[in-house]
Amino acid sequence: MIAPMIFCNTAWMKFYRGDPHNDPPKRGGEWVTKHKWDHAMFNFLPFYGRYYGFVQTRNGLKLERLGAPQDAERQDGVTVVWTATSPSHGSVIVGWYKNAVAHHHLQEPAPGAAADRSYKGEAVWHHFSAPVSESKLLDREHRVFRVPRRKKGGMGQSNVWYLDKPEHAKFRARVWDYIQRDGVLTTPPKQASKHGGPKQPDIEKRLRIERRAMKAAQRHYEAQGYSIVPVPSEKLGWDLQATGYERQVKVEVKGLSGDDILAELTPNEYAKMREHKESYELFVLTHALEPKAAKQFVFRYDVDIGKWRDETSGRLLNIQRVMSARVSA
């Protein structure tokens, strides 16, 4: 059975342990922009085996939407899912509390915690508390589970989302499964498309996306003086061989129909990407079927930071290894 679940949006931080000088909160709204700190920056600072979490909300938590009686002041057994805006992936899950206590009104710091849970003389209050042993903060490179924001059926402008409507059931089940797997993403049972995310059911549309992306990649490298040779990707692990005066590049091409950069590499492609870091590039074309909206990205390995980065936008490529299985009877 899925526990009552609430989504809470906060600023983006590495550790949420109350150190704004070395770990400044970012993308946290007007308060964070003005004051350079937030109560939520203590959300993963342990105190005697528990975490104490804060979310910015005007009128307190609506505990009845978490299964509590009307006018209840607290509700036990709540799953709190913390979200924030990633520099490269939009709104994502950054961690969670399981078996949390949720309070309608803000609570004072735990007894004896005032000195540890204060900043610039101001006590840090909380809405939630949960056992450290049943909570988790994801490493930054594993914060890739996207949360729909400002879309129909998704999280709105409020920092709190209760997921208590029938149309939320499927997404809530996905999140619960993700938490039960300790933050390991699983692919859907359908075969993933070679050129981006879950397989596009319209075969003709998928082929058009692939062709547009390949043509865009060829134009891009030819404009830089490279000669292009298509190669059998299934065998080599990349789509194009681009040869220039001083450099030869192995180019893997991904075409996407939307704005999100979300694609899958085959095991062979991923192995070759790691093997040939210095000469391997990932070319991505978003909105491939919309010439006016199409954008291209070229991710190259940056030795200085140990990440794949698009030089034009500065976006970093987040690589998440996923598990999948197919069974039949």
Protein backbone atom coordinates (compact mmCIF):
# COMPACT_ATOMS: atom_id res chain seq x y z
CA MET A 1 0.00 0.00 0.00
CA ILE A 2 1.31 3.45 -0.94
CA ALA A 3 1.68 5.78 2.04
CA PRO A 4 0.19 9.30 1.95
CA MET A 5 2.56 11.34 -0.20
CA ILE A 6 3.35 15.03 -0.42
CA PHE A 7 5.76 16.83 -2.76
CA CYS A 8 7.64 19.84 -1.38
CA ASN A 9 9.71 22.16 -3.56
CA THR A 10 12.80 23.88 -2.15
CA ALA A 11 15.98 25.58 -3.36
CA TRP A 12 18.73 23.59 -5.06
CA MET A 13 21.63 22.60 -2.75
CA LYS A 14 24.27 19.89 -2.57
CA PHE A 15 23.81 18.73 1.00
CA TYR A 16 21.07 20.73 2.81
CA ARG A 17 23.11 20.73 6.02
CA GLY A 18 22.92 24.39 6.98
CA ASP A 19 26.08 25.71 5.33
CA PRO A 20 25.03 28.49 2.90
CA HIS A 21 28.59 29.79 2.52
CA ASN A 22 29.99 26.57 1.04
CA ASP A 23 26.67 25.23 -0.20
CA PRO A 24 24.53 28.24 -1.19
CA PRO A 25 20.84 27.63 -1.95
CA LYS A 26 19.91 28.43 -5.55
CA ARG A 27 16.67 28.79 -7.52
CA GLY A 28 14.64 29.08 -4.35
CA GLY A 29 12.43 32.07 -5.10
CA GLU A 30 12.36 35.63 -3.78
CA TRP A 31 13.30 34.83 -0.18
CA VAL A 32 16.45 32.91 -1.13
CA THR A 33 17.43 35.54 -3.71
CA LYS A 34 17.12 38.33 -1.14
CA HIS A 35 18.43 36.66 2.03
CA LYS A 36 20.83 34.06 0.60
CA TRP A 37 19.51 31.37 2.96
CA ASP A 38 16.34 29.44 3.72
CA HIS A 39 15.00 27.26 6.54
CA ALA A 40 14.97 24.34 4.09
CA MET A 41 18.76 24.40 3.91
CA PHE A 42 18.69 22.34 7.17
CA ASN A 43 16.40 19.62 5.75
CA PHE A 44 19.10 16.93 5.76
CA LEU A 45 21.02 17.96 8.87
CA PRO A 46 20.63 15.02 11.29
CA PHE A 47 19.76 15.67 14.92
CA TYR A 48 19.62 12.69 17.26
CA GLY A 49 18.61 10.30 14.48
CA ARG A 50 15.99 12.49 12.82
CA TYR A 51 15.72 15.03 10.02
CA TYR A 52 13.57 18.13 10.38
CA GLY A 53 12.19 19.53 7.11
CA PHE A 54 10.78 22.89 6.09
CA VAL A 55 8.80 23.97 3.04
CA GLN A 56 7.62 27.51 2.28
CA THR A 57 3.82 27.61 2.45
CA ARG A 58 1.44 30.44 3.36
CA ASN A 59 -1.37 28.76 5.26
CA GLY A 60 0.14 25.61 6.68
CA LEU A 61 -0.23 22.05 5.44
CA LYS A 62 -3.66 20.68 4.54
CA LEU A 63 -3.36 17.43 6.46
CA GLU A 64 -6.85 16.30 5.47
CA ARG A 65 -5.43 15.83 1.96
CA LEU A 66 -2.99 13.35 3.50
CA GLY A 67 -5.75 11.33 5.14
CA ALA A 68 -5.94 13.13 8.50
CA PRO A 69 -9.23 14.13 10.16
CA GLN A 70 -10.43 17.66 9.56
CA ASP A 71 -8.60 20.19 11.77
CA ALA A 72 -5.93 17.65 12.75
CA GLU A 73 -2.63 19.18 13.84
CA ARG A 74 -0.41 16.25 12.78
CA GLN A 75 -0.41 13.20 10.56
CA ASP A 76 1.98 10.26 10.90
CA GLY A 77 3.27 7.84 8.25
CA VAL A 78 3.67 10.41 5.49
CA THR A 79 6.14 10.13 2.59
CA VAL A 80 7.68 13.54 1.89
CA VAL A 81 9.27 13.91 -1.55
CA TRP A 82 11.68 16.84 -1.82
CA THR A 83 12.12 18.52 -5.20
CA ALA A 84 14.26 21.35 -6.56
CA THR A 85 15.20 22.87 -9.90
CA SER A 86 18.30 21.21 -11.33
CA PRO A 87 20.75 23.28 -13.41
CA SER A 88 20.33 20.86 -16.30
CA HIS A 89 17.15 18.80 -15.80
CA GLY A 90 14.46 21.16 -14.59
CA SER A 91 12.36 20.11 -11.60
CA VAL A 92 13.64 16.82 -10.15
CA ILE A 93 13.40 14.71 -7.01
CA VAL A 94 16.37 15.41 -4.73
CA GLY A 95 15.42 13.15 -1.83
CA TRP A 96 12.67 11.94 0.48
CA TYR A 97 11.52 11.21 4.02
CA LYS A 98 9.62 7.98 4.70
CA ASN A 99 7.39 7.44 7.72
CA ALA A 100 7.47 11.17 8.48
CA VAL A 101 5.36 13.19 10.90
CA ALA A 102 3.66 16.12 9.16
CA HIS A 103 2.43 19.15 11.13
CA HIS A 104 -0.23 21.61 10.05
CA HIS A 105 1.58 24.54 11.69
CA LEU A 106 5.30 25.27 11.80
CA GLN A 107 7.06 23.65 14.75
CA GLU A 108 9.76 25.06 16.97
CA PRO A 109 13.19 23.42 16.90
CA ALA A 110 13.42 20.13 18.77
CA PRO A 111 14.36 20.51 22.46
CA GLY A 112 18.06 21.22 22.75
CA ALA A 113 18.37 21.85 19.01
CA ALA A 114 17.95 25.61 18.99
CA ALA A 115 21.69 26.28 18.97
CA ASP A 116 22.35 23.77 16.18
CA ARG A 117 19.28 24.71 14.15
CA SER A 118 19.58 28.48 13.95
CA TYR A 119 21.04 30.91 11.47
CA LYS A 120 22.02 34.53 12.14
CA GLY A 121 20.15 34.32 15.43
CA GLU A 122 16.93 33.07 13.85
CA ALA A 123 15.62 29.64 14.89
CA VAL A 124 14.94 27.22 12.05
CA TRP A 125 11.42 25.83 12.24
CA HIS A 126 9.98 22.77 10.52
CA HIS A 127 6.85 21.10 9.15
CA PHE A 128 8.15 17.52 9.07
CA SER A 129 10.36 15.17 11.03
CA ALA A 130 11.47 11.70 9.99
CA PRO A 131 13.97 8.99 10.93
CA VAL A 132 17.34 9.43 9.23
CA SER A 133 17.33 5.66 8.62
CA GLU A 134 14.19 5.94 6.45
CA SER A 135 15.23 9.05 4.53
CA LYS A 136 17.58 9.73 1.66
CA LEU A 137 19.25 12.68 -0.07
CA LEU A 138 20.31 11.77 -3.59
CA ASP A 139 23.76 12.61 -4.91
CA ARG A 140 23.57 15.40 -7.47
CA GLU A 141 24.39 13.10 -10.41
CA HIS A 142 21.47 10.85 -9.46
CA ARG A 143 18.86 13.61 -9.32
CA VAL A 144 17.26 12.79 -12.66
CA PHE A 145 13.67 11.79 -11.84
CA ARG A 146 11.73 14.64 -13.40
CA VAL A 147 8.67 16.17 -11.81
CA PRO A 148 6.08 17.82 -14.09
CA ARG A 149 5.69 21.49 -13.21
CA ARG A 150 3.06 23.96 -14.40
CA LYS A 151 1.52 21.36 -16.67
CA LYS A 152 -1.96 19.86 -16.59
CA GLY A 153 -1.99 17.20 -13.89
CA GLY A 154 1.46 18.25 -12.61
CA MET A 155 2.84 20.34 -9.77
CA GLY A 156 1.67 23.93 -9.97
CA GLN A 157 3.24 27.18 -8.74
CA SER A 158 2.73 26.24 -5.11
CA ASN A 159 5.67 24.66 -3.28
CA VAL A 160 3.36 21.90 -2.02
CA TRP A 161 1.67 19.19 -4.10
CA TYR A 162 -0.55 16.53 -2.52
CA LEU A 163 -1.08 14.10 -5.44
CA ASP A 164 -4.51 13.16 -4.08
CA LYS A 165 -6.54 13.23 -7.29
CA PRO A 166 -7.38 10.17 -9.40
CA GLU A 167 -5.27 11.43 -12.32
CA HIS A 168 -2.21 11.44 -10.04
CA ALA A 169 -2.42 7.73 -9.21
CA LYS A 170 -0.14 6.50 -11.98
CA PHE A 171 2.59 9.06 -11.29
CA ARG A 172 2.33 8.49 -7.54
CA ALA A 173 2.84 4.76 -8.12
CA ARG A 174 5.94 5.46 -10.24
CA VAL A 175 7.42 7.64 -7.52
CA TRP A 176 6.65 5.07 -4.83
CA ASP A 177 8.35 2.35 -6.88
CA TYR A 178 11.35 4.66 -7.40
CA ILE A 179 11.65 5.24 -3.65
CA GLN A 180 11.25 1.53 -2.87
CA ARG A 181 14.14 0.87 -5.28
CA ASP A 182 16.24 3.40 -3.35
CA GLY A 183 16.39 5.87 -6.21
CA VAL A 184 17.14 3.49 -9.09
CA LEU A 185 15.32 4.36 -12.31
CA THR A 186 13.82 1.55 -14.33
CA THR A 187 12.99 1.74 -18.02
CA PRO A 188 9.40 1.14 -19.13
CA PRO A 189 8.72 -2.33 -20.54
CA LYS A 190 8.60 -1.01 -24.09
CA GLN A 191 11.84 -1.13 -26.06
CA ALA A 192 13.70 2.15 -25.91
CA SER A 193 14.22 3.99 -29.16
CA LYS A 194 17.79 4.35 -30.35
CA HIS A 195 17.23 8.03 -30.96
CA GLY A 196 15.61 9.24 -27.80
CA GLY A 197 13.67 8.21 -24.73
CA PRO A 198 10.77 5.78 -24.79
CA LYS A 199 10.10 4.38 -28.20
CA GLN A 200 8.01 6.64 -30.42
CA PRO A 201 4.95 4.51 -31.34
CA ASP A 202 4.54 6.20 -34.74
CA ILE A 203 7.22 4.44 -36.80
CA GLU A 204 7.14 6.94 -39.65
CA LYS A 205 7.44 9.87 -37.26
CA ARG A 206 10.36 8.19 -35.52
CA LEU A 207 12.19 7.72 -38.80
CA ARG A 208 11.59 11.36 -39.75
CA ILE A 209 13.06 12.49 -36.42
CA GLU A 210 16.12 10.31 -36.97
CA ARG A 211 16.65 11.61 -40.50
CA ARG A 212 16.32 15.25 -39.41
CA ALA A 213 18.82 14.73 -36.60
CA MET A 214 21.33 12.99 -38.88
CA LYS A 215 21.10 15.77 -41.49
CA ALA A 216 21.51 18.45 -38.82
CA ALA A 217 24.58 16.68 -37.43
CA GLN A 218 26.14 16.37 -40.88
CA ARG A 219 25.57 20.08 -41.61
CA HIS A 220 27.06 21.02 -38.25
CA TYR A 221 30.31 19.13 -38.72
CA GLU A 222 30.67 19.94 -42.42
CA ALA A 223 30.38 23.64 -41.55
CA GLN A 224 33.43 23.16 -39.32
CA GLY A 225 35.45 21.61 -42.14
CA TYR A 226 34.95 17.94 -41.31
CA SER A 227 34.28 15.28 -43.90
CA ILE A 228 31.47 12.96 -42.83
CA VAL A 229 31.08 9.21 -43.24
CA PRO A 230 28.01 7.39 -41.80
CA VAL A 231 28.96 4.16 -40.02
CA PRO A 232 27.01 1.15 -38.71
CA SER A 233 26.19 2.37 -35.21
CA GLU A 234 25.06 -1.03 -33.92
CA LYS A 235 28.54 -2.41 -34.53
CA LEU A 236 30.82 0.53 -33.74
CA GLY A 237 28.81 2.42 -31.12
CA TRP A 238 28.44 5.75 -32.95
CA ASP A 239 26.63 7.05 -36.06
CA LEU A 240 29.07 9.33 -37.88
CA GLN A 241 32.82 9.45 -38.41
CA ALA A 242 33.85 13.11 -38.73
CA THR A 243 37.39 13.64 -40.03
CA GLY A 244 39.07 17.03 -39.88
CA TYR A 245 42.57 18.34 -40.50
CA GLU A 246 43.83 17.58 -36.99
CA ARG A 247 41.09 15.54 -35.37
CA GLN A 248 38.76 12.62 -35.96
CA VAL A 249 35.47 12.58 -34.06
CA LYS A 250 33.08 9.72 -33.31
CA VAL A 251 29.59 11.21 -33.30
CA GLU A 252 26.52 9.61 -31.75
CA VAL A 253 23.30 11.31 -32.93
CA LYS A 254 20.05 11.61 -30.98
CA GLY A 255 16.90 13.21 -32.33
CA LEU A 256 14.08 14.27 -29.99
CA SER A 257 10.57 15.50 -30.69
CA GLY A 258 10.29 17.70 -27.61
CA ASP A 259 12.34 20.13 -25.55
CA ASP A 260 13.68 17.75 -22.90
CA ILE A 261 17.10 16.23 -23.45
CA LEU A 262 16.24 12.68 -22.50
CA ALA A 263 17.68 9.84 -24.57
CA GLU A 264 19.05 6.36 -24.07
CA LEU A 265 22.33 4.86 -25.14
CA THR A 266 22.62 1.18 -25.98
CA PRO A 267 25.13 -0.79 -23.86
CA ASN A 268 27.57 -0.70 -26.80
CA GLU A 269 27.16 3.06 -27.32
CA TYR A 270 27.68 3.76 -23.64
CA ALA A 271 30.77 1.52 -23.54
CA LYS A 272 32.30 3.29 -26.55
CA MET A 273 31.43 6.69 -25.11
CA ARG A 274 33.44 5.84 -22.01
CA GLU A 275 36.26 4.22 -23.98
CA HIS A 276 36.76 7.11 -26.45
CA LYS A 277 36.10 10.12 -24.18
CA GLU A 278 38.60 12.36 -25.94
CA SER A 279 37.16 11.81 -29.43
CA TYR A 280 33.50 10.90 -28.78
CA GLU A 281 30.74 13.52 -29.08
CA LEU A 282 27.00 13.31 -28.53
CA PHE A 283 24.96 15.44 -30.96
CA VAL A 284 21.38 16.09 -29.82
CA LEU A 285 18.64 17.82 -31.83
CA THR A 286 15.50 18.80 -29.91
CA HIS A 287 12.19 19.68 -31.60
CA ALA A 288 13.58 17.82 -34.61
CA LEU A 289 10.37 18.17 -36.64
CA GLU A 290 9.95 21.89 -35.95
CA PRO A 291 12.62 23.85 -37.89
CA LYS A 292 11.93 27.15 -36.12
CA ALA A 293 12.05 25.61 -32.64
CA ALA A 294 14.83 23.07 -33.22
CA LYS A 295 17.95 23.39 -31.06
CA GLN A 296 21.17 21.46 -31.31
CA PHE A 297 23.59 20.50 -28.57
CA VAL A 298 27.03 18.94 -28.85
CA PHE A 299 28.22 17.30 -25.65
CA ARG A 300 31.98 16.83 -25.33
CA TYR A 301 33.93 15.43 -22.40
CA ASP A 302 35.44 18.20 -20.29
CA VAL A 303 38.56 16.82 -18.61
CA ASP A 304 38.74 19.67 -16.11
CA ILE A 305 35.37 18.89 -14.54
CA GLY A 306 35.02 15.23 -15.49
CA LYS A 307 31.63 15.85 -17.12
CA TRP A 308 30.10 15.92 -20.59
CA ARG A 309 29.25 19.52 -21.42
CA ASP A 310 27.64 21.43 -24.27
CA GLU A 311 30.03 24.31 -25.01
CA THR A 312 27.34 26.66 -26.31
CA SER A 313 24.80 26.45 -23.47
CA GLY A 314 27.08 25.11 -20.75
CA ARG A 315 24.55 22.39 -19.95
CA LEU A 316 25.99 19.29 -18.33
CA LEU A 317 24.99 15.82 -19.38
CA ASN A 318 23.67 13.73 -16.52
CA ILE A 319 24.28 10.02 -17.08
CA GLN A 320 22.07 7.61 -15.15
CA ARG A 321 22.53 3.90 -15.57
CA VAL A 322 19.11 2.22 -15.49
CA MET A 323 17.86 -1.28 -14.83
CA SER A 324 15.36 -3.08 -17.01
CA ALA A 325 13.92 -6.52 -17.47
CA ARG A 326 11.57 -8.25 -19.88
CA VAL A 327 9.72 -11.41 -18.93
CA SER A 328 7.20 -13.61 -20.74
CA ALA A 329 5.30 -16.80 -20.15
